[in-house]
Amino acid sequence: MPGKVPRLTGEKAVDTFCKAGYVWHHTTGSHRILKHPDKSARLSIPVHAGCTVGVGLLRKQIRLSGLTVDEFIALL
């Protein structure tokens, strides 16, 4: 059974995706846009002070990144 999606702030989620090779590309409003040099996926992570990212949104971003939930948790 796959791991449970963790409850993270947007800042922590961005840091974790950066460990997976994604880099900050730009910011649009309160969303950080991340790109990977070798992949076509573009991730959009909302960053609001002290607020957690929704579980469904984070699961979708993990899937778009090509990682599994367990691989993402290992990068935390």
Protein backbone atom coordinates (compact mmCIF):
# COMPACT_ATOMS: atom_id res chain seq x y z
CA MET A 1 0.00 0.00 0.00
CA PRO A 2 1.43 3.41 -0.93
CA GLY A 3 2.45 5.81 1.79
CA LYS A 4 0.09 8.43 3.15
CA VAL A 5 0.61 11.93 1.72
CA PRO A 6 2.18 14.09 4.44
CA ARG A 7 0.72 17.41 5.58
CA LEU A 8 3.31 20.05 4.61
CA THR A 9 3.51 23.78 4.24
CA GLY A 10 4.09 25.06 0.73
CA GLU A 11 7.64 26.09 1.63
CA LYS A 12 8.51 22.58 2.85
CA ALA A 13 6.97 21.03 -0.28
CA VAL A 14 9.06 23.34 -2.50
CA ASP A 15 12.22 22.42 -0.56
CA THR A 16 11.45 18.71 -0.97
CA PHE A 17 10.86 18.99 -4.73
CA CYS A 18 14.14 20.92 -5.00
CA LYS A 19 15.91 17.94 -3.40
CA ALA A 20 14.44 15.84 -6.25
CA GLY A 21 16.14 18.07 -8.83
CA TYR A 22 13.45 20.69 -9.48
CA VAL A 23 14.49 24.34 -9.52
CA TRP A 24 12.53 27.50 -8.82
CA HIS A 25 11.59 29.07 -12.15
CA HIS A 26 9.36 31.99 -11.16
CA THR A 27 6.58 33.08 -8.84
CA THR A 28 3.06 33.88 -9.99
CA GLY A 29 1.06 35.47 -7.21
CA SER A 30 1.50 33.16 -4.22
CA HIS A 31 2.47 30.10 -6.31
CA ARG A 32 6.04 28.96 -6.83
CA ILE A 33 6.59 27.47 -10.26
CA LEU A 34 9.21 24.70 -10.34
CA LYS A 35 10.78 23.09 -13.39
CA HIS A 36 13.12 20.15 -13.82
CA PRO A 37 15.97 20.46 -16.33
CA ASP A 38 15.32 16.99 -17.80
CA LYS A 39 11.53 16.65 -17.48
CA SER A 40 8.68 18.51 -19.13
CA ALA A 41 6.56 18.69 -15.97
CA ARG A 42 5.96 22.09 -14.41
CA LEU A 43 4.89 22.13 -10.77
CA SER A 44 2.85 24.92 -9.19
CA ILE A 45 2.98 24.96 -5.39
CA PRO A 46 0.94 27.49 -3.37
CA VAL A 47 3.00 29.10 -0.61
CA HIS A 48 0.95 30.81 2.09
CA ALA A 49 2.54 31.58 5.46
CA GLY A 50 1.70 28.87 7.97
CA CYS A 51 -0.85 27.08 5.75
CA THR A 52 -0.55 23.50 4.60
CA VAL A 53 -0.95 22.36 1.02
CA GLY A 54 -4.08 20.33 0.37
CA VAL A 55 -3.53 16.58 0.30
CA GLY A 56 -5.12 16.13 -3.14
CA LEU A 57 -3.08 18.95 -4.66
CA LEU A 58 0.16 17.64 -3.17
CA ARG A 59 -0.61 14.11 -4.38
CA LYS A 60 -1.18 15.45 -7.91
CA GLN A 61 2.09 17.43 -7.86
CA ILE A 62 3.98 14.35 -6.64
CA ARG A 63 2.47 12.30 -9.48
CA LEU A 64 3.35 15.01 -12.04
CA SER A 65 6.93 15.07 -10.78
CA GLY A 66 7.36 11.38 -11.57
CA LEU A 67 7.93 10.43 -7.93
CA THR A 68 5.93 8.04 -5.81
CA VAL A 69 4.59 9.17 -2.45
CA ASP A 70 7.13 6.93 -0.71
CA GLU A 71 10.03 8.46 -2.72
CA PHE A 72 8.76 11.94 -1.86
CA ILE A 73 8.54 11.07 1.85
CA ALA A 74 12.11 9.70 1.75
CA LEU A 75 13.32 13.13 0.55
CA LEU A 76 11.79 14.95 3.53
